[in-house]
């Protein structure tokens, strides 16, 4: 992925709704983004593969190839941040998107202000991730190892397959091990935006971290929910 342009980040919008697509294109263009608009999944996938973009905005319900299929194929070769947009409200749909590598999920209807804030938050996270990092694995906790170059955690030789957001969440929890971190802090510090009660993005990322650590057999510490307070990374037999 090429570096983000300082003044005109490149946005790929994949949206078949002509009214919404035109509105998003116009609003983001006026907000200083360089927007390319595709109206179906196959066209969007081809564009995302052939040209460098800073963020992909994508509806789930697309004609021909749906958004989840596009995301699956895109993740085979590209790590471009993807923000899914859909009227689908079921938690299963959000989970599917995050499991396939989505960076954020914005349910319809949404305001253009919120869309812009979500995009700007993704761009800030990517900028943070691009800070110079050592090539080698840089830290360890018990037998869980963190690789800052590839944004992943390893148990033995097994990679967890974390997304960048998941890596930064787990790394942040590790740096404050056995300390409860509030949702508001994690949204601001890791997801780079304010916390809203209806926003489930953090919960979905935490769920994926738990699933991926379990899948590689890591059980020495767990990401636990402290109801009404936030999350904590602690030993499995604590609390």
C-alpha atoms as a PDB file:
ATOM      1  CA  UNK A   1       0.000   0.000   0.000  1.00  0.00           C
ATOM      2  CA  UNK A   2       1.366   3.405  -0.913  1.00  0.00           C
ATOM      3  CA  UNK A   3       1.746   6.145   1.706  1.00  0.00           C
ATOM      4  CA  UNK A   4      -1.308   8.263   2.449  1.00  0.00           C
ATOM      5  CA  UNK A   5      -1.369  11.513   0.570  1.00  0.00           C
ATOM      6  CA  UNK A   6      -1.067  14.345   3.081  1.00  0.00           C
ATOM      7  CA  UNK A   7      -3.918  16.436   1.657  1.00  0.00           C
ATOM      8  CA  UNK A   8      -6.021  14.124  -0.519  1.00  0.00           C
ATOM      9  CA  UNK A   9      -6.347  10.549   0.791  1.00  0.00           C
ATOM     10  CA  UNK A  10      -7.661   8.162  -1.887  1.00  0.00           C
ATOM     11  CA  UNK A  11     -11.029   6.601  -1.099  1.00  0.00           C
ATOM     12  CA  UNK A  12     -12.683   3.781  -3.042  1.00  0.00           C
ATOM     13  CA  UNK A  13     -16.466   3.724  -2.559  1.00  0.00           C
ATOM     14  CA  UNK A  14     -18.272   0.527  -3.628  1.00  0.00           C
ATOM     15  CA  UNK A  15     -21.996   1.309  -3.441  1.00  0.00           C
ATOM     16  CA  UNK A  16     -24.844   0.339  -5.773  1.00  0.00           C
ATOM     17  CA  UNK A  17     -27.370   2.817  -4.322  1.00  0.00           C
ATOM     18  CA  UNK A  18     -27.116   5.671  -6.827  1.00  0.00           C
ATOM     19  CA  UNK A  19     -28.488   8.324  -4.491  1.00  0.00           C
ATOM     20  CA  UNK A  20     -26.325   7.360  -1.501  1.00  0.00           C
ATOM     21  CA  UNK A  21     -23.286   6.746  -3.686  1.00  0.00           C
ATOM     22  CA  UNK A  22     -23.529  10.184  -5.260  1.00  0.00           C
ATOM     23  CA  UNK A  23     -24.087  11.805  -1.851  1.00  0.00           C
ATOM     24  CA  UNK A  24     -21.053  10.053  -0.324  1.00  0.00           C
ATOM     25  CA  UNK A  25     -18.928  10.947  -3.354  1.00  0.00           C
ATOM     26  CA  UNK A  26     -19.939  14.607  -3.230  1.00  0.00           C
ATOM     27  CA  UNK A  27     -19.531  14.971   0.543  1.00  0.00           C
ATOM     28  CA  UNK A  28     -16.129  13.278   0.736  1.00  0.00           C
ATOM     29  CA  UNK A  29     -14.901  15.179  -2.308  1.00  0.00           C
ATOM     30  CA  UNK A  30     -15.851  18.463  -0.636  1.00  0.00           C
ATOM     31  CA  UNK A  31     -14.093  17.246   2.549  1.00  0.00           C
ATOM     32  CA  UNK A  32     -10.770  16.921   0.737  1.00  0.00           C
ATOM     33  CA  UNK A  33     -10.750  13.239  -0.237  1.00  0.00           C
ATOM     34  CA  UNK A  34     -10.041  11.886  -3.711  1.00  0.00           C
ATOM     35  CA  UNK A  35     -12.971   9.529  -4.335  1.00  0.00           C
ATOM     36  CA  UNK A  36     -13.419   6.729  -6.881  1.00  0.00           C
ATOM     37  CA  UNK A  37     -16.939   5.279  -7.041  1.00  0.00           C
ATOM     38  CA  UNK A  38     -17.764   1.751  -8.237  1.00  0.00           C
ATOM     39  CA  UNK A  39     -21.332   0.469  -8.443  1.00  0.00           C
ATOM     40  CA  UNK A  40     -20.876  -3.312  -8.139  1.00  0.00           C
ATOM     41  CA  UNK A  41     -18.651  -5.765  -6.307  1.00  0.00           C
ATOM     42  CA  UNK A  42     -16.637  -7.129  -9.212  1.00  0.00           C
ATOM     43  CA  UNK A  43     -15.813  -3.675 -10.536  1.00  0.00           C
ATOM     44  CA  UNK A  44     -14.838  -2.576  -7.030  1.00  0.00           C
ATOM     45  CA  UNK A  45     -12.610  -5.608  -6.452  1.00  0.00           C
ATOM     46  CA  UNK A  46     -10.809  -5.041  -9.743  1.00  0.00           C
ATOM     47  CA  UNK A  47     -10.270  -1.374  -8.926  1.00  0.00           C
ATOM     48  CA  UNK A  48      -9.033  -2.145  -5.387  1.00  0.00           C
ATOM     49  CA  UNK A  49      -6.518  -4.630  -6.764  1.00  0.00           C
ATOM     50  CA  UNK A  50      -5.218  -2.435  -9.565  1.00  0.00           C
ATOM     51  CA  UNK A  51      -4.923   0.950  -7.852  1.00  0.00           C
ATOM     52  CA  UNK A  52      -3.648   2.058  -4.430  1.00  0.00           C
ATOM     53  CA  UNK A  53      -6.300   3.362  -2.039  1.00  0.00           C
ATOM     54  CA  UNK A  54      -6.060   4.517   1.558  1.00  0.00           C
ATOM     55  CA  UNK A  55      -9.534   3.303   2.567  1.00  0.00           C
ATOM     56  CA  UNK A  56     -12.235   1.204   0.879  1.00  0.00           C
ATOM     57  CA  UNK A  57     -15.874   1.965   1.754  1.00  0.00           C
ATOM     58  CA  UNK A  58     -18.081  -0.962   0.829  1.00  0.00           C
ATOM     59  CA  UNK A  59     -21.711  -1.921   1.102  1.00  0.00           C
ATOM     60  CA  UNK A  60     -22.398  -5.575   1.973  1.00  0.00           C
ATOM     61  CA  UNK A  61     -25.456  -5.990  -0.251  1.00  0.00           C
ATOM     62  CA  UNK A  62     -24.031  -5.501  -3.735  1.00  0.00           C
ATOM     63  CA  UNK A  63     -25.249  -6.872  -7.078  1.00  0.00           C
ATOM     64  CA  UNK A  64     -23.372  -9.900  -8.400  1.00  0.00           C
ATOM     65  CA  UNK A  65     -20.535 -10.278  -5.902  1.00  0.00           C
ATOM     66  CA  UNK A  66     -21.552  -9.142  -2.409  1.00  0.00           C
ATOM     67  CA  UNK A  67     -19.328  -7.112  -0.115  1.00  0.00           C
ATOM     68  CA  UNK A  68     -18.208 -10.038   2.053  1.00  0.00           C
ATOM     69  CA  UNK A  69     -17.086 -11.964  -1.054  1.00  0.00           C
ATOM     70  CA  UNK A  70     -15.190  -8.897  -2.269  1.00  0.00           C
ATOM     71  CA  UNK A  71     -13.543  -8.537   1.155  1.00  0.00           C
ATOM     72  CA  UNK A  72     -12.543 -12.218   1.200  1.00  0.00           C
ATOM     73  CA  UNK A  73     -10.826 -11.983  -2.172  1.00  0.00           C
ATOM     74  CA  UNK A  74      -9.246  -8.594  -1.462  1.00  0.00           C
ATOM     75  CA  UNK A  75      -7.668  -9.855   1.771  1.00  0.00           C
ATOM     76  CA  UNK A  76      -5.842 -12.584  -0.168  1.00  0.00           C
ATOM     77  CA  UNK A  77      -3.501  -9.960  -1.589  1.00  0.00           C
ATOM     78  CA  UNK A  78      -4.155  -6.528  -0.041  1.00  0.00           C
ATOM     79  CA  UNK A  79      -4.290  -5.081   3.479  1.00  0.00           C
ATOM     80  CA  UNK A  80      -6.080  -1.871   2.447  1.00  0.00           C
ATOM     81  CA  UNK A  81      -8.352  -0.763   5.337  1.00  0.00           C
ATOM     82  CA  UNK A  82     -12.008  -1.612   4.659  1.00  0.00           C
ATOM     83  CA  UNK A  83     -15.033   0.092   6.217  1.00  0.00           C
ATOM     84  CA  UNK A  84     -18.192  -1.942   5.670  1.00  0.00           C
ATOM     85  CA  UNK A  85     -21.506  -0.133   5.321  1.00  0.00           C
ATOM     86  CA  UNK A  86     -24.808  -1.985   5.456  1.00  0.00           C
ATOM     87  CA  UNK A  87     -28.396  -1.847   6.603  1.00  0.00           C
ATOM     88  CA  UNK A  88     -27.936  -5.382   7.919  1.00  0.00           C
ATOM     89  CA  UNK A  89     -28.276  -5.098  11.674  1.00  0.00           C
ATOM     90  CA  UNK A  90     -27.729  -8.651  12.848  1.00  0.00           C
ATOM     91  CA  UNK A  91     -24.658  -9.212  14.997  1.00  0.00           C
ATOM     92  CA  UNK A  92     -23.768 -12.237  12.863  1.00  0.00           C
ATOM     93  CA  UNK A  93     -23.273  -9.966   9.841  1.00  0.00           C
ATOM     94  CA  UNK A  94     -20.930  -7.690  11.778  1.00  0.00           C
ATOM     95  CA  UNK A  95     -18.989 -10.677  13.102  1.00  0.00           C
ATOM     96  CA  UNK A  96     -18.641 -12.084   9.584  1.00  0.00           C
ATOM     97  CA  UNK A  97     -17.209  -8.792   8.369  1.00  0.00           C
ATOM     98  CA  UNK A  98     -14.654  -8.553  11.168  1.00  0.00           C
ATOM     99  CA  UNK A  99     -13.675 -12.212  10.784  1.00  0.00           C
ATOM    100  CA  UNK A 100     -12.947 -11.597   7.118  1.00  0.00           C
ATOM    101  CA  UNK A 101     -10.685  -8.668   7.947  1.00  0.00           C
ATOM    102  CA  UNK A 102     -12.896  -5.557   7.973  1.00  0.00           C
ATOM    103  CA  UNK A 103     -11.426  -2.649   9.916  1.00  0.00           C
ATOM    104  CA  UNK A 104     -14.725  -1.036  10.847  1.00  0.00           C
ATOM    105  CA  UNK A 105     -18.484  -1.389  10.363  1.00  0.00           C
ATOM    106  CA  UNK A 106     -20.951   1.462   9.936  1.00  0.00           C
ATOM    107  CA  UNK A 107     -24.668   0.558   9.993  1.00  0.00           C
ATOM    108  CA  UNK A 108     -27.073   2.409   7.709  1.00  0.00           C
ATOM    109  CA  UNK A 109     -28.486   4.970   7.982  1.00  0.00           C
ATOM    110  CA  UNK A 110     -25.500   7.067   9.010  1.00  0.00           C
ATOM    111  CA  UNK A 111     -24.582  10.729   8.894  1.00  0.00           C
ATOM    112  CA  UNK A 112     -21.880  12.045   6.590  1.00  0.00           C
ATOM    113  CA  UNK A 113     -20.169  13.523   9.631  1.00  0.00           C
ATOM    114  CA  UNK A 114     -19.893  10.093  11.263  1.00  0.00           C
ATOM    115  CA  UNK A 115     -18.633   8.558   8.016  1.00  0.00           C
ATOM    116  CA  UNK A 116     -15.934  11.201   7.727  1.00  0.00           C
ATOM    117  CA  UNK A 117     -14.919  10.744  11.373  1.00  0.00           C
ATOM    118  CA  UNK A 118     -14.641   6.956  10.898  1.00  0.00           C
ATOM    119  CA  UNK A 119     -12.459   7.421   7.793  1.00  0.00           C
ATOM    120  CA  UNK A 120     -10.217   9.920   9.558  1.00  0.00           C
ATOM    121  CA  UNK A 121      -9.839   7.529  12.499  1.00  0.00           C
ATOM    122  CA  UNK A 122      -8.751   4.721  10.155  1.00  0.00           C
ATOM    123  CA  UNK A 123      -6.230   7.023   8.484  1.00  0.00           C
ATOM    124  CA  UNK A 124      -4.775   7.993  11.880  1.00  0.00           C
ATOM    125  CA  UNK A 125      -4.464   4.328  12.896  1.00  0.00           C
ATOM    126  CA  UNK A 126      -2.687   3.496   9.645  1.00  0.00           C
ATOM    127  CA  UNK A 127      -0.315   6.435  10.157  1.00  0.00           C
ATOM    128  CA  UNK A 128       0.510   5.152  13.651  1.00  0.00           C
ATOM    129  CA  UNK A 129       1.106   1.643  12.299  1.00  0.00           C
ATOM    130  CA  UNK A 130       3.561   2.997   9.742  1.00  0.00           C
ATOM    131  CA  UNK A 131       5.955   4.317  12.383  1.00  0.00           C
ATOM    132  CA  UNK A 132       9.403   2.687  12.066  1.00  0.00           C
ATOM    133  CA  UNK A 133       9.516  -0.674  13.874  1.00  0.00           C
ATOM    134  CA  UNK A 134      12.230  -3.276  14.445  1.00  0.00           C
ATOM    135  CA  UNK A 135      12.299  -6.175  12.019  1.00  0.00           C
ATOM    136  CA  UNK A 136      12.541  -8.812  14.719  1.00  0.00           C
ATOM    137  CA  UNK A 137       9.964  -9.882  17.274  1.00  0.00           C
ATOM    138  CA  UNK A 138      10.244  -7.159  19.866  1.00  0.00           C
ATOM    139  CA  UNK A 139       8.452  -8.299  22.999  1.00  0.00           C
ATOM    140  CA  UNK A 140       7.150 -11.364  24.725  1.00  0.00           C
ATOM    141  CA  UNK A 141       4.661 -12.177  27.424  1.00  0.00           C
ATOM    142  CA  UNK A 142       4.885 -15.714  28.766  1.00  0.00           C
ATOM    143  CA  UNK A 143       5.000 -17.666  25.484  1.00  0.00           C
ATOM    144  CA  UNK A 144       2.945 -15.110  23.508  1.00  0.00           C
ATOM    145  CA  UNK A 145       5.205 -13.038  21.263  1.00  0.00           C
ATOM    146  CA  UNK A 146       4.498  -9.734  19.552  1.00  0.00           C
ATOM    147  CA  UNK A 147       5.867  -8.873  16.110  1.00  0.00           C
ATOM    148  CA  UNK A 148       5.622  -5.123  15.486  1.00  0.00           C
ATOM    149  CA  UNK A 149       6.721  -5.347  11.869  1.00  0.00           C
ATOM    150  CA  UNK A 150       3.931  -7.704  10.806  1.00  0.00           C
ATOM    151  CA  UNK A 151       1.333  -6.577  13.388  1.00  0.00           C
ATOM    152  CA  UNK A 152       0.765 -10.082  14.706  1.00  0.00           C
ATOM    153  CA  UNK A 153       1.168 -12.184  17.836  1.00  0.00           C
ATOM    154  CA  UNK A 154       2.668 -15.665  17.926  1.00  0.00           C
ATOM    155  CA  UNK A 155       2.274 -18.637  20.243  1.00  0.00           C
ATOM    156  CA  UNK A 156       5.310 -20.757  19.549  1.00  0.00           C
ATOM    157  CA  UNK A 157       5.533 -20.578  15.772  1.00  0.00           C
ATOM    158  CA  UNK A 158       1.794 -20.151  15.246  1.00  0.00           C
ATOM    159  CA  UNK A 159       0.622 -16.679  14.134  1.00  0.00           C
ATOM    160  CA  UNK A 160      -2.718 -15.459  15.465  1.00  0.00           C
ATOM    161  CA  UNK A 161      -3.568 -13.735  12.178  1.00  0.00           C
ATOM    162  CA  UNK A 162      -4.556 -10.454  13.816  1.00  0.00           C
ATOM    163  CA  UNK A 163      -5.708  -7.411  11.892  1.00  0.00           C
ATOM    164  CA  UNK A 164      -3.875  -4.167  12.591  1.00  0.00           C
ATOM    165  CA  UNK A 165      -6.638  -2.940  14.905  1.00  0.00           C
ATOM    166  CA  UNK A 166      -6.699  -6.253  16.778  1.00  0.00           C
ATOM    167  CA  UNK A 167      -2.918  -6.175  17.148  1.00  0.00           C
ATOM    168  CA  UNK A 168      -2.952  -2.654  18.562  1.00  0.00           C
ATOM    169  CA  UNK A 169      -5.751  -3.576  20.988  1.00  0.00           C
ATOM    170  CA  UNK A 170      -3.944  -6.666  22.265  1.00  0.00           C
ATOM    171  CA  UNK A 171      -0.638  -4.789  22.473  1.00  0.00           C
ATOM    172  CA  UNK A 172      -2.294  -1.984  24.450  1.00  0.00           C
ATOM    173  CA  UNK A 173      -3.890  -4.453  26.869  1.00  0.00           C
ATOM    174  CA  UNK A 174      -0.539  -6.227  27.244  1.00  0.00           C
ATOM    175  CA  UNK A 175       1.273  -2.999  28.086  1.00  0.00           C
ATOM    176  CA  UNK A 176      -1.252  -2.511  30.918  1.00  0.00           C
ATOM    177  CA  UNK A 177      -1.494  -6.183  31.908  1.00  0.00           C
ATOM    178  CA  UNK A 178      -3.765  -6.853  34.919  1.00  0.00           C
ATOM    179  CA  UNK A 179      -5.166  -3.309  34.633  1.00  0.00           C
ATOM    180  CA  UNK A 180      -8.741  -2.590  33.559  1.00  0.00           C
ATOM    181  CA  UNK A 181      -8.849  -0.301  30.522  1.00  0.00           C
ATOM    182  CA  UNK A 182     -12.092   1.503  29.870  1.00  0.00           C
ATOM    183  CA  UNK A 183     -13.947   1.325  26.581  1.00  0.00           C
ATOM    184  CA  UNK A 184     -13.633   5.098  26.249  1.00  0.00           C
ATOM    185  CA  UNK A 185      -9.832   4.861  26.589  1.00  0.00           C
ATOM    186  CA  UNK A 186      -9.540   2.016  24.079  1.00  0.00           C
ATOM    187  CA  UNK A 187     -11.745   3.781  21.538  1.00  0.00           C
ATOM    188  CA  UNK A 188      -9.712   6.960  21.820  1.00  0.00           C
ATOM    189  CA  UNK A 189      -6.248   5.400  22.130  1.00  0.00           C
ATOM    190  CA  UNK A 190      -6.571   2.477  19.701  1.00  0.00           C
ATOM    191  CA  UNK A 191      -9.546   3.091  17.398  1.00  0.00           C
ATOM    192  CA  UNK A 192      -8.800   6.814  17.338  1.00  0.00           C
ATOM    193  CA  UNK A 193     -12.361   8.026  17.846  1.00  0.00           C
ATOM    194  CA  UNK A 194     -14.778   8.798  20.643  1.00  0.00           C
ATOM    195  CA  UNK A 195     -16.838   6.117  22.362  1.00  0.00           C
ATOM    196  CA  UNK A 196     -20.568   5.854  21.669  1.00  0.00           C
ATOM    197  CA  UNK A 197     -22.833   3.379  23.465  1.00  0.00           C
ATOM    198  CA  UNK A 198     -24.314   2.025  20.208  1.00  0.00           C
ATOM    199  CA  UNK A 199     -20.904   1.404  18.624  1.00  0.00           C
ATOM    200  CA  UNK A 200     -20.014  -2.313  18.843  1.00  0.00           C
ATOM    201  CA  UNK A 201     -16.754  -2.179  16.887  1.00  0.00           C
ATOM    202  CA  UNK A 202     -14.549  -2.553  19.970  1.00  0.00           C
ATOM    203  CA  UNK A 203     -16.592  -5.515  21.253  1.00  0.00           C
ATOM    204  CA  UNK A 204     -16.269  -7.233  17.867  1.00  0.00           C
ATOM    205  CA  UNK A 205     -12.508  -6.714  17.765  1.00  0.00           C
ATOM    206  CA  UNK A 206     -12.158  -8.097  21.298  1.00  0.00           C
ATOM    207  CA  UNK A 207     -14.273 -11.118  20.338  1.00  0.00           C
ATOM    208  CA  UNK A 208     -11.986 -11.799  17.381  1.00  0.00           C
ATOM    209  CA  UNK A 209      -8.862 -11.497  19.544  1.00  0.00           C
ATOM    210  CA  UNK A 210     -10.260 -14.071  21.969  1.00  0.00           C
ATOM    211  CA  UNK A 211     -11.189 -16.435  19.147  1.00  0.00           C
ATOM    212  CA  UNK A 212      -7.807 -16.136  17.442  1.00  0.00           C
ATOM    213  CA  UNK A 213      -5.785 -16.657  20.639  1.00  0.00           C
ATOM    214  CA  UNK A 214      -7.854 -19.733  21.434  1.00  0.00           C
ATOM    215  CA  UNK A 215      -7.363 -21.049  17.894  1.00  0.00           C
ATOM    216  CA  UNK A 216      -3.562 -21.049  18.295  1.00  0.00           C
ATOM    217  CA  UNK A 217      -3.798 -22.716  21.709  1.00  0.00           C
ATOM    218  CA  UNK A 218      -2.830 -19.746  23.882  1.00  0.00           C
ATOM    219  CA  UNK A 219      -4.578 -19.997  27.264  1.00  0.00           C
ATOM    220  CA  UNK A 220      -2.108 -18.488  29.762  1.00  0.00           C
ATOM    221  CA  UNK A 221      -3.840 -15.117  29.786  1.00  0.00           C
ATOM    222  CA  UNK A 222      -7.300 -14.026  28.699  1.00  0.00           C
ATOM    223  CA  UNK A 223      -8.954 -10.817  27.580  1.00  0.00           C
ATOM    224  CA  UNK A 224     -11.766 -10.479  30.112  1.00  0.00           C
ATOM    225  CA  UNK A 225     -14.776  -8.191  30.285  1.00  0.00           C
ATOM    226  CA  UNK A 226     -15.171  -6.194  33.489  1.00  0.00           C
ATOM    227  CA  UNK A 227     -18.826  -5.244  33.332  1.00  0.00           C
ATOM    228  CA  UNK A 228     -19.454  -1.519  33.511  1.00  0.00           C
ATOM    229  CA  UNK A 229     -15.721  -0.745  33.351  1.00  0.00           C
ATOM    230  CA  UNK A 230     -13.955  -2.178  30.308  1.00  0.00           C
ATOM    231  CA  UNK A 231     -11.462  -4.928  29.491  1.00  0.00           C
ATOM    232  CA  UNK A 232      -8.447  -6.487  31.189  1.00  0.00           C
ATOM    233  CA  UNK A 233      -5.742  -8.923  30.110  1.00  0.00           C
ATOM    234  CA  UNK A 234      -5.120 -11.256  33.033  1.00  0.00           C
ATOM    235  CA  UNK A 235      -3.992 -14.767  33.898  1.00  0.00           C
ATOM    236  CA  UNK A 236      -6.549 -17.435  33.021  1.00  0.00           C
ATOM    237  CA  UNK A 237      -7.070 -18.474  36.640  1.00  0.00           C
ATOM    238  CA  UNK A 238      -7.511 -14.954  38.006  1.00  0.00           C
ATOM    239  CA  UNK A 239     -10.769 -13.089  38.755  1.00  0.00           C
END
